[in-house]
Amino acid sequence: MSTIDSRDMIGPREALAYYDSQSIDLPRAVTPLEAWNLMMAQPQPVLRWAFRVRDAISAWFGVRKIGGFTGRRHTEVKVGDRLDFFLVEGVRPDALLLTARDRHLDVMTGLHTDGTRLTVTSSVIVHNLFGRAYMVPVGPAHRVIVRVMLRRLRRSLMEAG
C-alpha cells in the first residue's frame, strides 16, 4: 500500500507553505512513471502559456527559466535523473518523488500508486518574500491544473480500453 509520509514531502508538514494531495481511481493500475509519462504526453495548452509567463516574470528576480514540460517519454528513471525541470529524488515501486529547488523555494511533487488509485502530492517550502508572492497565484492554479491532469489521465485510460 502506498503511504504518503514525511519522506514524500519537501519538509515537515508544519514547515510547509503549500501542501496539496489529490487522488483519483483509474480504470487500470499504472506505475508512477507510467502515470507521469501519460500525464505529460500532451501538456495542456494553458500550461505552456503559464510557464512562459512564469519564466518571463521570474527572470526579473534571477530565477532560471524552466520552460515547462516537454512530453518526452521515459522508460526508466533513477535517483539523480531529470524529468524536465524536476530532479528525481526518489523511486519506489509505488512512488516517484520529484523536486525543484532554488533560492526562493523548494518543491517536491510525488506520484503515488496503490492498485488503481493514483495520488499526486505537492509540497513547498518558501525561503523569502519572492517565494511567498510566487505561491499566491501558483498555489490555487496548481490545484486546478493537477485536478484537470488527473481527470484527463483517467479519461485517456478509459478511452484506450
N, C-alpha and C. Protein backbone atom coordinates (compact mmCIF):
# COMPACT_ATOMS: atom_id res chain seq x y z
N MET A 1 0.84 -1.19 0.00
CA MET A 1 0.00 0.00 0.00
C MET A 1 0.88 1.25 0.00
N SER A 2 0.54 2.21 -0.81
CA SER A 2 1.28 3.45 -0.89
C SER A 2 0.92 4.34 0.29
N THR A 3 1.93 4.80 1.00
CA THR A 3 1.71 5.67 2.13
C THR A 3 2.47 6.96 1.91
N ILE A 4 1.79 8.07 2.07
CA ILE A 4 2.42 9.37 1.93
C ILE A 4 2.85 9.80 3.33
N ASP A 5 4.15 9.93 3.52
CA ASP A 5 4.66 10.31 4.83
C ASP A 5 5.70 11.41 4.66
N SER A 6 6.43 11.69 5.70
CA SER A 6 7.39 12.80 5.67
C SER A 6 8.47 12.61 4.61
N ARG A 7 8.77 11.37 4.21
CA ARG A 7 9.76 11.15 3.14
C ARG A 7 9.25 11.68 1.81
N ASP A 8 7.94 11.82 1.70
CA ASP A 8 7.31 12.19 0.44
C ASP A 8 6.95 13.67 0.36
N MET A 9 7.46 14.44 1.32
CA MET A 9 7.24 15.89 1.33
C MET A 9 8.59 16.58 1.40
N ILE A 10 8.63 17.82 1.01
CA ILE A 10 9.88 18.58 0.97
C ILE A 10 10.38 18.91 2.37
N GLY A 11 9.52 18.81 3.35
CA GLY A 11 9.90 19.09 4.73
C GLY A 11 8.78 18.69 5.66
N PRO A 12 8.94 18.94 6.96
CA PRO A 12 7.87 18.62 7.91
C PRO A 12 6.61 19.43 7.60
N ARG A 13 5.48 18.85 7.82
CA ARG A 13 4.20 19.48 7.47
C ARG A 13 4.09 20.90 8.03
N GLU A 14 4.54 21.10 9.27
CA GLU A 14 4.42 22.43 9.89
C GLU A 14 5.32 23.48 9.23
N ALA A 15 6.32 23.06 8.46
CA ALA A 15 7.23 23.99 7.78
C ALA A 15 6.76 24.34 6.36
N LEU A 16 5.72 23.67 5.89
CA LEU A 16 5.29 23.86 4.51
C LEU A 16 4.47 25.14 4.34
N ALA A 17 4.74 25.84 3.26
CA ALA A 17 3.94 27.00 2.88
C ALA A 17 2.79 26.57 1.97
N TYR A 18 2.92 25.38 1.40
CA TYR A 18 1.89 24.87 0.48
C TYR A 18 1.90 23.35 0.56
N TYR A 19 0.71 22.79 0.55
CA TYR A 19 0.55 21.33 0.51
C TYR A 19 -0.74 21.03 -0.22
N ASP A 20 -0.66 20.10 -1.16
CA ASP A 20 -1.85 19.66 -1.88
C ASP A 20 -1.69 18.19 -2.21
N SER A 21 -2.73 17.42 -1.96
CA SER A 21 -2.72 16.00 -2.29
C SER A 21 -4.06 15.65 -2.91
N GLN A 22 -4.02 15.12 -4.13
CA GLN A 22 -5.23 14.76 -4.85
C GLN A 22 -5.11 13.35 -5.38
N SER A 23 -6.21 12.61 -5.28
CA SER A 23 -6.22 11.21 -5.72
C SER A 23 -7.33 10.98 -6.72
N ILE A 24 -7.13 9.94 -7.52
CA ILE A 24 -8.15 9.53 -8.48
C ILE A 24 -8.06 8.02 -8.67
N ASP A 25 -9.20 7.39 -8.86
CA ASP A 25 -9.23 5.97 -9.19
C ASP A 25 -9.21 5.84 -10.71
N LEU A 26 -8.28 5.04 -11.19
CA LEU A 26 -8.10 4.86 -12.63
C LEU A 26 -8.72 3.53 -13.06
N PRO A 27 -9.01 3.37 -14.36
CA PRO A 27 -9.60 2.12 -14.84
C PRO A 27 -8.64 0.93 -14.79
N ARG A 28 -7.34 1.20 -14.65
CA ARG A 28 -6.36 0.13 -14.51
C ARG A 28 -5.18 0.66 -13.71
N ALA A 29 -4.43 -0.25 -13.16
CA ALA A 29 -3.24 0.14 -12.40
C ALA A 29 -2.17 0.65 -13.36
N VAL A 30 -1.43 1.65 -12.90
CA VAL A 30 -0.27 2.18 -13.63
C VAL A 30 0.87 2.35 -12.63
N THR A 31 2.08 2.37 -13.13
CA THR A 31 3.22 2.68 -12.27
C THR A 31 3.30 4.20 -12.14
N PRO A 32 4.01 4.69 -11.14
CA PRO A 32 4.17 6.14 -11.04
C PRO A 32 4.81 6.75 -12.29
N LEU A 33 5.81 6.09 -12.86
CA LEU A 33 6.45 6.62 -14.07
C LEU A 33 5.49 6.58 -15.26
N GLU A 34 4.71 5.52 -15.37
CA GLU A 34 3.73 5.46 -16.45
C GLU A 34 2.71 6.59 -16.30
N ALA A 35 2.28 6.86 -15.08
CA ALA A 35 1.35 7.97 -14.84
C ALA A 35 1.99 9.28 -15.29
N TRP A 36 3.25 9.50 -14.92
CA TRP A 36 3.96 10.71 -15.34
C TRP A 36 3.98 10.81 -16.85
N ASN A 37 4.41 9.74 -17.52
CA ASN A 37 4.50 9.76 -18.98
C ASN A 37 3.16 10.07 -19.63
N LEU A 38 2.10 9.45 -19.13
CA LEU A 38 0.78 9.66 -19.72
C LEU A 38 0.27 11.08 -19.47
N MET A 39 0.50 11.59 -18.26
CA MET A 39 0.03 12.95 -17.96
C MET A 39 0.82 14.00 -18.73
N MET A 40 2.10 13.75 -18.97
CA MET A 40 2.94 14.74 -19.64
C MET A 40 3.00 14.55 -21.15
N ALA A 41 2.40 13.49 -21.68
CA ALA A 41 2.48 13.20 -23.12
C ALA A 41 1.95 14.36 -23.95
N GLN A 42 0.88 14.97 -23.51
CA GLN A 42 0.30 16.10 -24.24
C GLN A 42 -0.01 17.20 -23.23
N PRO A 43 1.01 18.01 -22.91
CA PRO A 43 0.78 19.07 -21.93
C PRO A 43 -0.35 19.99 -22.37
N GLN A 44 -1.12 20.43 -21.41
CA GLN A 44 -2.24 21.32 -21.69
C GLN A 44 -1.74 22.64 -22.27
N PRO A 45 -2.43 23.18 -23.27
CA PRO A 45 -2.01 24.47 -23.85
C PRO A 45 -1.90 25.57 -22.80
N VAL A 46 -2.79 25.59 -21.84
CA VAL A 46 -2.74 26.63 -20.81
C VAL A 46 -1.46 26.51 -19.99
N LEU A 47 -0.95 25.29 -19.83
CA LEU A 47 0.30 25.11 -19.10
C LEU A 47 1.47 25.73 -19.85
N ARG A 48 1.49 25.56 -21.16
CA ARG A 48 2.58 26.16 -21.96
C ARG A 48 2.59 27.68 -21.76
N TRP A 49 1.40 28.27 -21.84
CA TRP A 49 1.27 29.71 -21.64
C TRP A 49 1.70 30.09 -20.22
N ALA A 50 1.24 29.35 -19.22
CA ALA A 50 1.57 29.65 -17.82
C ALA A 50 3.08 29.58 -17.59
N PHE A 51 3.76 28.60 -18.17
CA PHE A 51 5.20 28.51 -17.99
C PHE A 51 5.93 29.66 -18.69
N ARG A 52 5.43 30.10 -19.84
CA ARG A 52 6.04 31.26 -20.50
C ARG A 52 5.92 32.50 -19.62
N VAL A 53 4.73 32.71 -19.06
CA VAL A 53 4.51 33.85 -18.17
C VAL A 53 5.40 33.72 -16.94
N ARG A 54 5.44 32.53 -16.35
CA ARG A 54 6.25 32.28 -15.16
C ARG A 54 7.71 32.59 -15.43
N ASP A 55 8.22 32.09 -16.56
CA ASP A 55 9.62 32.31 -16.89
C ASP A 55 9.92 33.79 -17.11
N ALA A 56 9.02 34.51 -17.77
CA ALA A 56 9.23 35.94 -18.03
C ALA A 56 9.27 36.74 -16.73
N ILE A 57 8.32 36.50 -15.85
CA ILE A 57 8.27 37.24 -14.58
C ILE A 57 9.41 36.83 -13.67
N SER A 58 9.66 35.54 -13.55
CA SER A 58 10.69 35.05 -12.65
C SER A 58 12.09 35.51 -13.05
N ALA A 59 12.30 35.70 -14.34
CA ALA A 59 13.62 36.15 -14.82
C ALA A 59 14.00 37.49 -14.20
N TRP A 60 13.00 38.34 -13.93
CA TRP A 60 13.27 39.64 -13.29
C TRP A 60 13.88 39.46 -11.90
N PHE A 61 13.67 38.30 -11.30
CA PHE A 61 14.14 38.05 -9.94
C PHE A 61 15.30 37.04 -9.91
N GLY A 62 15.91 36.83 -11.06
CA GLY A 62 17.08 35.96 -11.12
C GLY A 62 16.77 34.48 -11.03
N VAL A 63 15.54 34.08 -11.33
CA VAL A 63 15.16 32.66 -11.29
C VAL A 63 15.34 32.08 -12.67
N ARG A 64 15.97 30.92 -12.74
CA ARG A 64 16.23 30.32 -14.05
C ARG A 64 14.92 29.91 -14.73
N LYS A 65 14.95 29.96 -16.04
CA LYS A 65 13.79 29.53 -16.82
C LYS A 65 13.66 28.01 -16.72
N ILE A 66 12.41 27.54 -16.67
CA ILE A 66 12.20 26.10 -16.63
C ILE A 66 11.54 25.58 -17.91
N GLY A 67 10.88 26.46 -18.64
CA GLY A 67 10.38 26.09 -19.96
C GLY A 67 9.16 25.19 -19.99
N GLY A 68 8.84 24.54 -18.91
CA GLY A 68 7.66 23.69 -18.90
C GLY A 68 7.97 22.24 -19.20
N PHE A 69 6.94 21.54 -19.63
CA PHE A 69 7.05 20.09 -19.84
C PHE A 69 7.25 19.79 -21.32
N THR A 70 8.16 18.87 -21.60
CA THR A 70 8.50 18.55 -22.99
C THR A 70 7.62 17.45 -23.58
N GLY A 71 7.01 16.63 -22.74
CA GLY A 71 6.25 15.50 -23.24
C GLY A 71 7.11 14.30 -23.57
N ARG A 72 8.41 14.41 -23.30
CA ARG A 72 9.34 13.30 -23.57
C ARG A 72 9.03 12.10 -22.68
N ARG A 73 8.97 10.95 -23.29
CA ARG A 73 8.65 9.69 -22.59
C ARG A 73 9.92 9.08 -22.00
N HIS A 74 9.79 8.53 -20.81
CA HIS A 74 10.91 7.87 -20.13
C HIS A 74 10.53 6.43 -19.84
N THR A 75 11.44 5.51 -20.15
CA THR A 75 11.15 4.10 -19.89
C THR A 75 11.61 3.67 -18.51
N GLU A 76 12.56 4.40 -17.96
CA GLU A 76 13.01 4.14 -16.60
C GLU A 76 13.68 5.39 -16.07
N VAL A 77 13.70 5.52 -14.75
CA VAL A 77 14.40 6.63 -14.11
C VAL A 77 15.08 6.11 -12.85
N LYS A 78 16.09 6.84 -12.45
CA LYS A 78 16.78 6.54 -11.19
C LYS A 78 17.04 7.86 -10.48
N VAL A 79 17.34 7.78 -9.20
CA VAL A 79 17.65 8.97 -8.43
C VAL A 79 18.79 9.71 -9.12
N GLY A 80 18.61 11.01 -9.27
CA GLY A 80 19.61 11.85 -9.94
C GLY A 80 19.26 12.19 -11.38
N ASP A 81 18.33 11.43 -11.99
CA ASP A 81 17.87 11.75 -13.34
C ASP A 81 17.01 13.01 -13.30
N ARG A 82 16.74 13.54 -14.48
CA ARG A 82 15.86 14.70 -14.61
C ARG A 82 14.64 14.32 -15.43
N LEU A 83 13.49 14.76 -14.97
CA LEU A 83 12.25 14.71 -15.75
C LEU A 83 11.89 16.18 -15.97
N ASP A 84 12.20 16.67 -17.16
CA ASP A 84 12.08 18.09 -17.47
C ASP A 84 12.85 18.89 -16.43
N PHE A 85 12.23 19.82 -15.73
CA PHE A 85 12.94 20.65 -14.76
C PHE A 85 13.01 20.02 -13.38
N PHE A 86 12.41 18.86 -13.20
CA PHE A 86 12.42 18.18 -11.90
C PHE A 86 13.64 17.26 -11.78
N LEU A 87 14.18 17.18 -10.58
CA LEU A 87 15.21 16.21 -10.23
C LEU A 87 14.52 15.02 -9.59
N VAL A 88 14.84 13.82 -10.03
CA VAL A 88 14.29 12.61 -9.42
C VAL A 88 15.04 12.36 -8.12
N GLU A 89 14.32 12.46 -7.00
CA GLU A 89 14.95 12.25 -5.69
C GLU A 89 14.54 10.96 -5.03
N GLY A 90 13.52 10.30 -5.58
CA GLY A 90 13.11 9.04 -5.00
C GLY A 90 12.36 8.20 -6.02
N VAL A 91 12.67 6.91 -6.04
CA VAL A 91 11.98 5.97 -6.93
C VAL A 91 11.70 4.72 -6.10
N ARG A 92 10.42 4.40 -5.97
CA ARG A 92 9.99 3.17 -5.32
C ARG A 92 8.94 2.55 -6.23
N PRO A 93 8.62 1.29 -6.06
CA PRO A 93 7.59 0.68 -6.91
C PRO A 93 6.26 1.44 -6.86
N ASP A 94 5.98 2.08 -5.71
CA ASP A 94 4.71 2.78 -5.54
C ASP A 94 4.84 4.30 -5.53
N ALA A 95 6.04 4.84 -5.79
CA ALA A 95 6.21 6.29 -5.69
C ALA A 95 7.35 6.79 -6.57
N LEU A 96 7.13 7.98 -7.10
CA LEU A 96 8.14 8.72 -7.85
C LEU A 96 8.17 10.11 -7.21
N LEU A 97 9.33 10.51 -6.67
CA LEU A 97 9.47 11.77 -5.95
C LEU A 97 10.36 12.72 -6.74
N LEU A 98 9.83 13.88 -7.05
CA LEU A 98 10.49 14.85 -7.91
C LEU A 98 10.64 16.18 -7.17
N THR A 99 11.79 16.84 -7.34
CA THR A 99 12.00 18.12 -6.68
C THR A 99 12.50 19.17 -7.65
N ALA A 100 12.24 20.41 -7.28
CA ALA A 100 12.81 21.58 -7.94
C ALA A 100 13.16 22.54 -6.81
N ARG A 101 14.40 22.98 -6.78
CA ARG A 101 14.86 23.84 -5.69
C ARG A 101 15.60 25.05 -6.25
N ASP A 102 15.35 26.19 -5.64
CA ASP A 102 16.13 27.39 -5.93
C ASP A 102 16.19 28.24 -4.67
N ARG A 103 16.71 29.45 -4.80
CA ARG A 103 16.89 30.26 -3.58
C ARG A 103 15.58 30.82 -3.05
N HIS A 104 14.50 30.71 -3.82
CA HIS A 104 13.21 31.24 -3.40
C HIS A 104 12.30 30.20 -2.78
N LEU A 105 12.37 28.96 -3.31
CA LEU A 105 11.50 27.92 -2.78
C LEU A 105 12.00 26.54 -3.17
N ASP A 106 11.55 25.56 -2.41
CA ASP A 106 11.83 24.15 -2.69
C ASP A 106 10.49 23.45 -2.87
N VAL A 107 10.39 22.66 -3.92
CA VAL A 107 9.14 21.98 -4.27
C VAL A 107 9.41 20.48 -4.35
N MET A 108 8.48 19.69 -3.84
CA MET A 108 8.50 18.25 -4.08
C MET A 108 7.12 17.84 -4.57
N THR A 109 7.11 17.11 -5.67
CA THR A 109 5.89 16.51 -6.18
C THR A 109 6.09 15.01 -6.19
N GLY A 110 5.13 14.31 -5.61
CA GLY A 110 5.19 12.86 -5.56
C GLY A 110 4.01 12.25 -6.28
N LEU A 111 4.28 11.23 -7.07
CA LEU A 111 3.23 10.43 -7.69
C LEU A 111 3.24 9.09 -6.96
N HIS A 112 2.10 8.73 -6.38
CA HIS A 112 1.99 7.52 -5.57
C HIS A 112 0.88 6.64 -6.14
N THR A 113 1.14 5.35 -6.19
CA THR A 113 0.13 4.42 -6.67
C THR A 113 -0.19 3.40 -5.59
N ASP A 114 -1.45 2.98 -5.60
CA ASP A 114 -1.92 1.93 -4.70
C ASP A 114 -3.02 1.20 -5.47
N GLY A 115 -2.64 0.14 -6.17
CA GLY A 115 -3.60 -0.53 -7.06
C GLY A 115 -3.96 0.41 -8.19
N THR A 116 -5.25 0.69 -8.33
CA THR A 116 -5.69 1.59 -9.40
C THR A 116 -5.80 3.04 -8.93
N ARG A 117 -5.43 3.30 -7.71
CA ARG A 117 -5.51 4.67 -7.17
C ARG A 117 -4.18 5.38 -7.39
N LEU A 118 -4.27 6.59 -7.94
CA LEU A 118 -3.11 7.44 -8.16
C LEU A 118 -3.29 8.70 -7.31
N THR A 119 -2.24 9.06 -6.58
CA THR A 119 -2.25 10.28 -5.77
C THR A 119 -1.07 11.14 -6.20
N VAL A 120 -1.34 12.42 -6.41
CA VAL A 120 -0.30 13.40 -6.69
C VAL A 120 -0.25 14.35 -5.50
N THR A 121 0.92 14.42 -4.88
CA THR A 121 1.10 15.25 -3.69
C THR A 121 2.21 16.26 -3.96
N SER A 122 1.93 17.51 -3.66
CA SER A 122 2.94 18.56 -3.85
C SER A 122 3.10 19.33 -2.55
N SER A 123 4.35 19.62 -2.23
CA SER A 123 4.66 20.38 -1.02
C SER A 123 5.74 21.40 -1.34
N VAL A 124 5.65 22.55 -0.66
CA VAL A 124 6.56 23.66 -0.95
C VAL A 124 7.02 24.30 0.36
N ILE A 125 8.29 24.59 0.43
CA ILE A 125 8.86 25.44 1.47
C ILE A 125 9.36 26.70 0.77
N VAL A 126 8.95 27.86 1.27
CA VAL A 126 9.41 29.13 0.69
C VAL A 126 10.55 29.67 1.55
N HIS A 127 11.47 30.39 0.88
CA HIS A 127 12.64 30.91 1.57
C HIS A 127 12.64 32.42 1.73
N ASN A 128 11.79 33.11 0.97
CA ASN A 128 11.83 34.58 1.02
C ASN A 128 10.53 35.17 0.49
N LEU A 129 10.48 36.48 0.43
CA LEU A 129 9.27 37.20 0.00
C LEU A 129 8.87 36.83 -1.43
N PHE A 130 9.85 36.71 -2.33
CA PHE A 130 9.51 36.34 -3.70
C PHE A 130 8.85 34.96 -3.73
N GLY A 131 9.38 34.01 -2.97
CA GLY A 131 8.79 32.68 -2.90
C GLY A 131 7.35 32.73 -2.40
N ARG A 132 7.10 33.55 -1.39
CA ARG A 132 5.73 33.68 -0.87
C ARG A 132 4.82 34.31 -1.92
N ALA A 133 5.30 35.38 -2.55
CA ALA A 133 4.50 36.05 -3.58
C ALA A 133 4.24 35.13 -4.77
N TYR A 134 5.22 34.36 -5.15
CA TYR A 134 5.10 33.42 -6.26
C TYR A 134 3.98 32.41 -6.00
N MET A 135 3.89 31.95 -4.76
CA MET A 135 2.90 30.92 -4.43
C MET A 135 1.47 31.46 -4.35
N VAL A 136 1.29 32.78 -4.26
CA VAL A 136 -0.07 33.34 -4.19
C VAL A 136 -0.89 32.94 -5.42
N PRO A 137 -0.40 33.15 -6.65
CA PRO A 137 -1.19 32.68 -7.79
C PRO A 137 -0.94 31.20 -8.11
N VAL A 138 0.28 30.73 -7.86
CA VAL A 138 0.64 29.37 -8.27
C VAL A 138 -0.09 28.32 -7.43
N GLY A 139 -0.25 28.54 -6.14
CA GLY A 139 -0.90 27.56 -5.28
C GLY A 139 -2.30 27.18 -5.77
N PRO A 140 -3.21 28.16 -5.89
CA PRO A 140 -4.56 27.81 -6.37
C PRO A 140 -4.55 27.27 -7.80
N ALA A 141 -3.71 27.83 -8.66
CA ALA A 141 -3.65 27.35 -10.05
C ALA A 141 -3.16 25.90 -10.08
N HIS A 142 -2.18 25.58 -9.26
CA HIS A 142 -1.63 24.23 -9.22
C HIS A 142 -2.71 23.22 -8.88
N ARG A 143 -3.55 23.53 -7.90
CA ARG A 143 -4.63 22.61 -7.52
C ARG A 143 -5.54 22.30 -8.71
N VAL A 144 -5.89 23.34 -9.44
CA VAL A 144 -6.78 23.16 -10.60
C VAL A 144 -6.07 22.36 -11.69
N ILE A 145 -4.82 22.70 -11.96
CA ILE A 145 -4.06 22.02 -13.02
C ILE A 145 -3.94 20.53 -12.72
N VAL A 146 -3.59 20.19 -11.48
CA VAL A 146 -3.46 18.77 -11.12
C VAL A 146 -4.79 18.06 -11.25
N ARG A 147 -5.87 18.69 -10.80
CA ARG A 147 -7.20 18.08 -10.92
C ARG A 147 -7.54 17.78 -12.37
N VAL A 148 -7.26 18.75 -13.25
CA VAL A 148 -7.54 18.56 -14.68
C VAL A 148 -6.66 17.46 -15.26
N MET A 149 -5.38 17.45 -14.89
CA MET A 149 -4.48 16.42 -15.41
C MET A 149 -4.91 15.02 -14.98
N LEU A 150 -5.34 14.88 -13.73
CA LEU A 150 -5.79 13.57 -13.26
C LEU A 150 -7.05 13.12 -14.01
N ARG A 151 -7.97 14.02 -14.23
CA ARG A 151 -9.19 13.67 -14.98
C ARG A 151 -8.88 13.31 -16.42
N ARG A 152 -7.96 14.05 -17.04
CA ARG A 152 -7.56 13.74 -18.42
C ARG A 152 -6.91 12.37 -18.49
N LEU A 153 -6.09 12.05 -17.49
CA LEU A 153 -5.45 10.74 -17.44
C LEU A 153 -6.49 9.64 -17.35
N ARG A 154 -7.44 9.78 -16.45
CA ARG A 154 -8.49 8.76 -16.30
C ARG A 154 -9.27 8.60 -17.60
N ARG A 155 -9.63 9.71 -18.22
CA ARG A 155 -10.38 9.66 -19.48
C ARG A 155 -9.58 8.98 -20.57
N SER A 156 -8.29 9.30 -20.69
CA SER A 156 -7.48 8.67 -21.74
C SER A 156 -7.31 7.17 -21.51
N LEU A 157 -7.20 6.75 -20.26
CA LEU A 157 -7.11 5.31 -19.97
C LEU A 157 -8.44 4.61 -20.26
N MET A 158 -9.54 5.28 -20.00
CA MET A 158 -10.86 4.69 -20.29
C MET A 158 -11.04 4.54 -21.80
N GLU A 159 -10.62 5.56 -22.54
CA GLU A 159 -10.76 5.51 -23.99
C GLU A 159 -9.85 4.47 -24.62
N ALA A 160 -8.69 4.23 -24.01
CA ALA A 160 -7.76 3.24 -24.53
C ALA A 160 -8.23 1.81 -24.26
N GLY A 161 -9.19 1.70 -23.36
CA GLY A 161 -9.75 0.36 -23.08
C GLY A 161 -9.02 -0.36 -22.08
